[in-house]
Amino acid sequence: MVKLQDEKRTPVTKHRLAHRARRRPRAKGVHLLVQLLVLAIVAASASAFALLHKSVIVDVDGQEIKVEGYARTVGDLLANEGIKVGERDLVIPSVDQPVPTHVVVRHAQQVTIEVDGARQVRWTTANSVGEMIDDLGLRADARASAARSAPLGRDTLLVSTVKTVHVVVDGQTIDAVTDGGTVRDALMDLGVVLGEADRVSVPLGATAVPGLVVVVVRAQAAGDTSTEAVPYETREVDDNTLAKGDRRVVSRGKAGVRTITYRVDLVNGAVVKRTPITSTITTPPVDEVVHIGTLNVPKAPPVSPGSAQAIAKDMVAARGWDDQQFSCLVQLWNHESGWRVNAKNPSSGAYGIPQALPGSKMATVADDWQTNPVTQITWGLNYIASRYTTPCGAWSHFLQKNWY
């Protein structure tokens, strides 16, 4: 009986084995296909991940650090490095932009500034006293209480601008151009010497503001001499490096000092008559020298704005700046000059594609600065690199201040 049962199972078992044998190759093929798909997905992910890897120089408040990491945007990169930025901070390019090779971060700080006696508190991303003065839109010859290269501190920054004050002394009125912060500074710039007993209508420590009138009252000398101021003269000199009609004060004038000796007539100890005997200039006045421009700016040369831009594009690339930097430069000089080599600002005298002030500054590159776009662009890129690091840095400043 057992033998008969074995014979009945044999056909069934062989059938199942044959069926499994037929299915096995198909299962192996499916398994291989799945493996290939997984490998493809992993390879694609690795490639995409590799594209996010960046090597970037990050300038944080003037200190450059090299960053290696994975990030899609500037904000991601800074967050990964633990560099926090607030709404007042300056980030170039902005945090939502793709990661470039160079990122600038300037953290804002609150500073107290006093300009010609007017105190103000403001936020700024400037790192130094010079940058702060530039952000205020003040002239380059403004006088500050700290060196321009000094970092901004917590102490109040005192700034004195160039102004005209009127000094009434020794029977005359002298209009003095000064950048002195106080009345004492203004009188020293003018060359007015005060005696111990002389009186001044405004305290010497008072702030010198534009249009201030200062009256100096001389005390009678104890003996038979007195001094008075000698006004300076203004000397004009032709300058062929300045555009015709432009004026520039090269050296400021200073009043001299005249010493007068008197014969004093007394009656019962009272002075009834003082007669001048000698008059000597003990300190000669110093003339004010003003340069008058005589340069005739030539007519527009046959260089179109488009050609100037094409030249600039190659020069920008040669400096290692990318297309984004060139785009910033195009927008900046579109606003400044429209890329015209003979563009001139009628009020300030700024000249050329980069609007150099004065235009003769560009002669440091070449003598053909009036007509050659290469000379003008070279000077402009040098200026941008030294002051703003990149064209996008200059463009960002322009958007905030409407000048660069």
Protein backbone atom coordinates (compact mmCIF):
# COMPACT_ATOMS: atom_id res chain seq x y z
CA MET A 1 0.00 0.00 0.00
CA VAL A 2 2.79 2.38 0.81
CA LYS A 3 4.46 1.75 -2.47
CA LEU A 4 1.27 2.54 -4.38
CA GLN A 5 0.92 5.87 -2.55
CA ASP A 6 4.49 6.83 -3.50
CA GLU A 7 3.81 6.15 -7.13
CA LYS A 8 0.73 8.42 -7.08
CA ARG A 9 2.69 11.40 -5.60
CA THR A 10 5.55 11.22 -8.03
CA PRO A 11 3.86 12.82 -11.04
CA VAL A 12 2.52 15.71 -8.97
CA THR A 13 5.92 16.47 -7.46
CA LYS A 14 7.67 16.53 -10.79
CA HIS A 15 5.04 18.86 -12.20
CA ARG A 16 5.56 21.37 -9.40
CA LEU A 17 9.33 21.23 -9.75
CA ALA A 18 9.08 21.87 -13.44
CA HIS A 19 6.75 24.80 -12.84
CA ARG A 20 9.17 26.40 -10.33
CA ALA A 21 12.05 25.85 -12.71
CA ARG A 22 10.19 27.77 -15.39
CA ARG A 23 9.49 30.74 -13.02
CA ARG A 24 13.03 31.16 -11.61
CA PRO A 25 14.70 33.02 -14.55
CA ARG A 26 11.91 35.62 -14.59
CA ALA A 27 12.34 36.34 -10.87
CA LYS A 28 16.06 36.90 -11.31
CA GLY A 29 15.44 39.38 -14.15
CA VAL A 30 13.02 41.45 -12.06
CA HIS A 31 15.43 41.49 -9.18
CA LEU A 32 18.25 42.73 -11.42
CA LEU A 33 16.04 45.50 -12.87
CA VAL A 34 15.17 46.72 -9.39
CA GLN A 35 18.84 46.85 -8.48
CA LEU A 36 19.67 48.92 -11.57
CA LEU A 37 16.87 51.40 -10.81
CA VAL A 38 18.07 51.84 -7.25
CA LEU A 39 21.62 52.44 -8.45
CA ALA A 40 20.40 55.05 -10.97
CA ILE A 41 18.43 56.89 -8.30
CA VAL A 42 21.40 56.88 -5.93
CA ALA A 43 23.73 58.13 -8.68
CA ALA A 44 21.34 60.94 -9.65
CA SER A 45 20.93 61.98 -6.01
CA ALA A 46 24.68 61.96 -5.52
CA SER A 47 25.15 64.14 -8.62
CA ALA A 48 22.52 66.63 -7.49
CA PHE A 49 24.01 66.69 -4.01
CA ALA A 50 27.46 67.27 -5.48
CA LEU A 51 26.14 70.29 -7.43
CA LEU A 52 25.10 71.88 -4.13
CA HIS A 53 28.64 71.70 -2.77
CA LYS A 54 30.17 75.18 -2.70
CA SER A 55 33.52 76.73 -1.92
CA VAL A 56 32.81 80.34 -1.00
CA ILE A 57 34.72 83.31 0.44
CA VAL A 58 32.48 85.05 3.00
CA ASP A 59 33.48 88.60 4.00
CA VAL A 60 31.94 89.22 7.44
CA ASP A 61 32.45 92.81 8.59
CA GLY A 62 35.77 93.01 6.74
CA GLN A 63 37.06 89.59 7.85
CA GLU A 64 37.22 86.98 5.08
CA ILE A 65 36.60 83.31 5.82
CA LYS A 66 36.58 80.34 3.45
CA VAL A 67 33.46 78.19 3.62
CA GLU A 68 33.02 74.66 2.26
CA GLY A 69 29.51 73.28 2.35
CA TYR A 70 26.24 72.33 0.73
CA ALA A 71 23.63 75.04 0.18
CA ARG A 72 21.06 76.14 -2.36
CA THR A 73 20.88 79.83 -1.37
CA VAL A 74 23.06 82.43 0.34
CA GLY A 75 20.72 82.25 3.36
CA ASP A 76 21.22 78.47 3.62
CA LEU A 77 24.99 78.89 3.42
CA LEU A 78 25.08 81.51 6.19
CA ALA A 79 22.72 79.48 8.38
CA ASN A 80 24.89 76.37 7.99
CA GLU A 81 27.92 78.37 9.14
CA GLY A 82 26.08 79.93 12.09
CA ILE A 83 26.35 83.46 10.64
CA LYS A 84 23.24 85.28 11.78
CA VAL A 85 21.81 88.20 9.80
CA GLY A 86 19.01 90.58 10.76
CA GLU A 87 16.67 92.79 8.76
CA ARG A 88 19.01 95.80 9.08
CA ASP A 89 22.11 93.84 8.02
CA LEU A 90 23.52 94.07 4.50
CA VAL A 91 24.02 90.83 2.57
CA ILE A 92 25.34 90.82 -1.03
CA PRO A 93 23.93 88.94 -2.89
CA SER A 94 20.65 88.79 -0.95
CA VAL A 95 19.82 85.70 1.13
CA ASP A 96 17.36 84.31 -1.44
CA GLN A 97 19.91 84.32 -4.28
CA PRO A 98 21.93 81.29 -5.50
CA VAL A 99 25.32 80.89 -3.84
CA PRO A 100 28.14 82.73 -5.73
CA THR A 101 31.88 82.50 -5.11
CA HIS A 102 31.97 85.59 -2.89
CA VAL A 103 29.47 86.78 -0.25
CA VAL A 104 29.62 90.05 1.72
CA VAL A 105 27.92 90.40 5.13
CA ARG A 106 27.82 93.70 6.99
CA HIS A 107 26.14 93.63 10.42
CA ALA A 108 24.30 96.80 11.32
CA GLN A 109 25.14 98.65 14.51
CA GLN A 110 23.61 101.66 16.24
CA VAL A 111 25.88 104.70 16.42
CA THR A 112 25.56 108.24 17.73
CA ILE A 113 26.80 110.98 15.41
CA GLU A 114 27.01 114.72 15.90
CA VAL A 115 27.29 116.70 12.64
CA ASP A 116 27.97 120.42 13.18
CA GLY A 117 26.38 120.18 16.61
CA ALA A 118 23.26 118.28 15.50
CA ARG A 119 23.08 114.91 17.27
CA GLN A 120 21.47 111.87 15.66
CA VAL A 121 21.27 108.15 16.38
CA ARG A 122 21.12 105.80 13.42
CA TRP A 123 21.76 102.26 12.27
CA THR A 124 24.61 101.64 9.84
CA THR A 125 26.50 98.79 8.19
CA ALA A 126 29.68 100.89 7.88
CA ASN A 127 32.81 99.35 9.39
CA SER A 128 34.97 102.45 9.69
CA VAL A 129 34.66 106.16 10.35
CA GLY A 130 35.35 106.88 6.67
CA GLU A 131 32.54 104.59 5.51
CA MET A 132 30.19 106.23 8.03
CA ILE A 133 31.01 109.69 6.65
CA ASP A 134 30.38 108.39 3.12
CA ASP A 135 27.02 106.90 4.19
CA LEU A 136 26.03 110.30 5.60
CA GLY A 137 26.61 111.76 2.12
CA LEU A 138 29.14 114.29 3.42
CA ARG A 139 32.01 115.73 1.43
CA ALA A 140 35.35 113.96 1.56
CA ASP A 141 36.98 116.95 3.31
CA ALA A 142 34.72 116.77 6.38
CA ARG A 143 36.66 116.68 9.67
CA ALA A 144 35.96 113.84 12.13
CA SER A 145 36.91 113.27 15.77
CA ALA A 146 38.61 109.97 14.80
CA ALA A 147 40.76 108.81 11.91
CA ARG A 148 38.81 107.68 8.85
CA SER A 149 40.46 104.27 9.01
CA ALA A 150 39.45 103.78 12.65
CA PRO A 151 36.63 101.31 13.38
CA LEU A 152 33.31 102.67 14.60
CA GLY A 153 33.10 102.59 18.38
CA ARG A 154 30.53 103.33 21.06
CA ASP A 155 31.73 106.90 21.60
CA THR A 156 29.85 109.70 19.84
CA LEU A 157 31.41 110.45 16.45
CA LEU A 158 31.87 114.20 15.99
CA VAL A 159 31.86 115.40 12.38
CA SER A 160 32.45 118.93 11.19
CA THR A 161 31.67 119.87 7.58
CA VAL A 162 33.21 122.59 5.42
CA LYS A 163 31.32 125.83 6.06
CA THR A 164 31.58 129.59 5.81
CA VAL A 165 31.64 131.67 9.00
CA HIS A 166 31.82 135.45 9.24
CA VAL A 167 34.38 136.95 11.63
CA VAL A 168 34.13 140.65 12.55
CA VAL A 169 37.53 141.72 13.84
CA ASP A 170 39.53 144.94 13.90
CA GLY A 171 36.89 146.91 12.03
CA GLN A 172 36.47 144.47 9.14
CA THR A 173 34.47 141.37 8.27
CA ILE A 174 36.31 138.28 7.03
CA ASP A 175 34.39 135.45 5.36
CA ALA A 176 36.28 132.30 6.33
CA VAL A 177 35.92 128.83 4.82
CA THR A 178 36.66 126.28 7.54
CA ASP A 179 36.04 122.69 8.53
CA GLY A 180 36.65 123.51 12.19
CA GLY A 181 34.23 121.97 14.64
CA THR A 182 34.30 124.85 17.16
CA VAL A 183 34.64 128.63 17.10
CA ARG A 184 38.19 128.22 18.41
CA ASP A 185 39.06 125.92 15.48
CA ALA A 186 37.51 128.34 12.97
CA LEU A 187 39.51 131.30 14.33
CA MET A 188 42.70 129.23 14.24
CA ASP A 189 42.02 128.23 10.62
CA LEU A 190 41.50 131.90 9.77
CA GLY A 191 44.68 132.94 11.53
CA VAL A 192 43.04 135.31 14.04
CA VAL A 193 45.23 135.59 17.15
CA LEU A 194 43.42 136.40 20.41
CA GLY A 195 44.99 138.27 23.27
CA GLU A 196 44.41 137.23 26.85
CA ALA A 197 41.92 140.05 27.44
CA ASP A 198 40.17 139.93 24.05
CA ARG A 199 36.48 139.08 24.06
CA VAL A 200 34.51 136.95 21.60
CA SER A 201 30.74 137.21 21.04
CA VAL A 202 30.38 133.41 20.87
CA PRO A 203 32.05 130.98 23.33
CA LEU A 204 35.21 129.50 21.88
CA GLY A 205 33.96 125.98 22.58
CA ALA A 206 30.64 126.54 20.76
CA THR A 207 29.92 124.56 17.60
CA ALA A 208 30.86 126.31 14.37
CA VAL A 209 27.76 126.16 12.16
CA PRO A 210 27.33 127.48 8.60
CA GLY A 211 26.70 131.25 8.50
CA LEU A 212 27.85 131.82 12.10
CA VAL A 213 28.86 135.43 12.89
CA VAL A 214 31.67 135.85 15.41
CA VAL A 215 32.58 139.32 16.71
CA VAL A 216 36.05 139.77 18.23
CA VAL A 217 36.44 142.76 20.53
CA ARG A 218 40.07 143.69 21.13
CA ALA A 219 41.11 144.81 24.58
CA GLN A 220 43.34 147.87 24.86
CA ALA A 221 46.95 146.86 25.28
CA ALA A 222 48.47 147.53 28.67
CA GLY A 223 51.24 149.48 27.02
CA ASP A 224 51.28 151.57 23.88
CA THR A 225 50.89 148.81 21.28
CA SER A 226 47.94 146.88 19.85
CA THR A 227 47.39 144.30 17.14
CA GLU A 228 44.87 143.96 14.34
CA ALA A 229 44.13 141.37 11.67
CA VAL A 230 45.37 141.74 8.10
CA PRO A 231 42.91 140.20 5.60
CA TYR A 232 44.19 137.71 3.04
CA GLU A 233 43.75 137.95 -0.70
CA THR A 234 42.40 135.37 -3.13
CA ARG A 235 44.65 134.36 -6.01
CA GLU A 236 43.13 132.59 -9.02
CA VAL A 237 45.24 130.21 -11.12
CA ASP A 238 44.27 128.64 -14.46
CA ASP A 239 44.16 124.86 -14.37
CA ASN A 240 43.91 122.84 -17.58
CA THR A 241 43.09 119.63 -15.69
CA LEU A 242 39.73 121.03 -14.56
CA ALA A 243 36.76 121.44 -16.85
CA LYS A 244 36.13 124.99 -17.96
CA GLY A 245 34.13 126.90 -15.35
CA ASP A 246 35.04 124.59 -12.44
CA ARG A 247 36.65 126.12 -9.30
CA ARG A 248 38.68 124.36 -6.63
CA VAL A 249 40.21 125.84 -3.46
CA VAL A 250 43.76 124.46 -3.40
CA SER A 251 44.95 126.23 -0.24
CA ARG A 252 42.95 128.29 2.21
CA GLY A 253 43.82 131.83 3.13
CA LYS A 254 44.85 132.98 6.60
CA ALA A 255 44.72 136.47 8.02
CA GLY A 256 47.96 138.10 9.12
CA VAL A 257 48.71 140.18 12.22
CA ARG A 258 49.68 143.85 12.27
CA THR A 259 51.27 145.42 15.37
CA ILE A 260 50.72 149.17 15.87
CA THR A 261 52.72 151.32 18.26
CA TYR A 262 51.05 154.44 19.68
CA ARG A 263 52.15 157.59 21.46
CA VAL A 264 49.84 158.03 24.42
CA ASP A 265 49.03 161.51 25.73
CA LEU A 266 47.89 161.64 29.34
CA VAL A 267 46.20 164.39 31.30
CA ASN A 268 46.03 163.80 35.02
CA GLY A 269 46.57 160.10 34.36
CA ALA A 270 43.77 159.89 31.80
CA VAL A 271 44.43 159.06 28.15
CA VAL A 272 43.32 161.97 26.00
CA LYS A 273 45.05 161.05 22.76
CA ARG A 274 46.66 158.04 21.13
CA THR A 275 48.72 158.72 18.02
CA PRO A 276 50.03 155.80 15.88
CA ILE A 277 53.76 155.97 15.41
CA THR A 278 54.67 152.68 13.64
CA SER A 279 52.69 149.90 11.98
CA THR A 280 54.41 146.57 11.32
CA ILE A 281 53.03 143.34 9.89
CA THR A 282 54.36 140.82 12.36
CA THR A 283 52.60 137.84 10.77
CA PRO A 284 52.07 138.08 6.99
CA PRO A 285 48.69 136.94 5.62
CA VAL A 286 48.55 133.79 3.48
CA ASP A 287 46.77 134.11 0.14
CA GLU A 288 43.93 131.77 -0.71
CA VAL A 289 44.71 129.92 -3.96
CA VAL A 290 41.82 128.94 -6.21
CA HIS A 291 42.27 126.92 -9.41
CA ILE A 292 40.00 127.89 -12.30
CA GLY A 293 39.29 125.23 -14.92
CA THR A 294 40.23 125.98 -18.53
CA LEU A 295 39.82 122.50 -20.04
CA ASN A 296 37.48 122.29 -22.99
CA VAL A 297 35.81 118.89 -22.85
CA PRO A 298 35.89 117.37 -26.37
CA LYS A 299 32.80 116.41 -28.29
CA ALA A 300 31.50 112.87 -28.07
CA PRO A 301 33.93 110.41 -29.74
CA PRO A 302 32.66 107.68 -32.05
CA VAL A 303 32.30 105.15 -29.22
CA SER A 304 28.75 104.03 -28.57
CA PRO A 305 27.49 103.04 -25.12
CA GLY A 306 27.00 99.52 -26.44
CA SER A 307 30.65 99.29 -27.51
CA ALA A 308 31.74 100.60 -24.11
CA GLN A 309 29.67 97.90 -22.40
CA ALA A 310 31.22 95.20 -24.59
CA ILE A 311 34.69 96.43 -23.60
CA ALA A 312 33.68 96.46 -19.92
CA LYS A 313 32.30 92.91 -20.09
CA ASP A 314 35.72 91.53 -21.10
CA MET A 315 37.49 93.64 -18.46
CA VAL A 316 35.09 92.48 -15.75
CA ALA A 317 35.63 88.83 -16.69
CA ALA A 318 39.41 89.36 -16.64
CA ARG A 319 39.14 90.37 -12.98
CA GLY A 320 37.38 87.10 -12.13
CA TRP A 321 33.93 88.67 -11.69
CA ASP A 322 30.95 86.74 -13.05
CA ASP A 323 27.95 87.79 -15.15
CA GLN A 324 26.02 88.84 -12.06
CA GLN A 325 28.74 91.38 -11.25
CA PHE A 326 28.66 92.67 -14.83
CA SER A 327 24.88 93.05 -14.60
CA CYS A 328 25.32 95.18 -11.45
CA LEU A 329 27.94 97.30 -13.26
CA VAL A 330 25.63 97.86 -16.24
CA GLN A 331 22.82 99.09 -14.00
CA LEU A 332 25.18 101.31 -11.97
CA TRP A 333 26.71 103.12 -14.93
CA ASN A 334 23.38 103.29 -16.77
CA HIS A 335 22.24 105.54 -13.93
CA GLU A 336 25.51 107.45 -13.67
CA SER A 337 26.35 108.23 -17.31
CA GLY A 338 24.39 106.06 -19.71
CA TRP A 339 27.84 104.59 -20.59
CA ARG A 340 28.79 107.80 -22.47
CA VAL A 341 32.50 108.66 -22.36
CA ASN A 342 31.80 112.40 -22.49
CA ALA A 343 28.99 112.47 -19.90
CA LYS A 344 29.40 115.46 -17.55
CA ASN A 345 27.41 116.42 -14.48
CA PRO A 346 26.74 120.18 -14.87
CA SER A 347 26.51 120.79 -11.11
CA SER A 348 29.36 118.71 -9.68
CA GLY A 349 31.65 118.44 -12.72
CA ALA A 350 31.84 114.62 -12.52
CA TYR A 351 32.95 113.22 -15.88
CA GLY A 352 33.01 110.09 -18.02
CA ILE A 353 31.45 106.61 -17.84
CA PRO A 354 32.25 106.14 -14.11
CA GLN A 355 31.57 109.85 -13.32
CA ALA A 356 34.95 110.52 -11.73
CA LEU A 357 35.05 113.71 -9.63
CA PRO A 358 37.00 115.49 -10.93
CA GLY A 359 37.46 113.75 -14.26
CA SER A 360 41.20 114.44 -14.18
CA LYS A 361 41.54 111.70 -11.54
CA MET A 362 41.40 109.23 -14.42
CA ALA A 363 44.72 110.61 -15.70
CA THR A 364 46.35 108.25 -13.18
CA VAL A 365 45.52 105.51 -15.72
CA ALA A 366 46.32 107.33 -18.97
CA ASP A 367 46.38 110.84 -20.49
CA ASP A 368 43.52 110.03 -22.88
CA TRP A 369 40.99 109.83 -20.03
CA GLN A 370 38.66 112.32 -21.74
CA THR A 371 37.90 110.11 -24.76
CA ASN A 372 39.12 106.54 -24.20
CA PRO A 373 36.52 104.15 -22.71
CA VAL A 374 39.24 101.65 -21.75
CA THR A 375 40.99 104.28 -19.60
CA GLN A 376 37.72 105.35 -17.97
CA ILE A 377 36.51 101.79 -17.32
CA THR A 378 39.92 100.77 -15.90
CA TRP A 379 39.83 103.67 -13.45
CA GLY A 380 36.19 102.95 -12.57
CA LEU A 381 36.80 99.25 -11.86
CA ASN A 382 39.87 100.10 -9.74
CA TYR A 383 37.78 102.57 -7.75
CA ILE A 384 34.94 100.05 -7.22
CA ALA A 385 37.34 97.27 -6.18
CA SER A 386 39.11 99.46 -3.62
CA ARG A 387 35.96 100.99 -2.12
CA TYR A 388 33.18 98.39 -2.53
CA THR A 389 35.04 95.13 -3.36
CA THR A 390 32.68 94.29 -6.26
CA PRO A 391 30.30 96.04 -8.72
CA CYS A 392 27.34 94.53 -6.85
CA GLY A 393 28.66 96.11 -3.67
CA ALA A 394 28.79 99.51 -5.41
CA TRP A 395 25.30 98.99 -6.89
CA SER A 396 23.87 98.10 -3.49
CA HIS A 397 25.34 101.30 -2.03
CA PHE A 398 23.91 103.32 -4.93
CA LEU A 399 20.43 101.91 -4.32
CA GLN A 400 20.63 103.04 -0.69
CA LYS A 401 22.30 106.45 -1.16
CA ASN A 402 21.76 107.34 -4.84
CA TRP A 403 25.55 107.79 -5.23
CA TYR A 404 28.63 105.60 -4.99
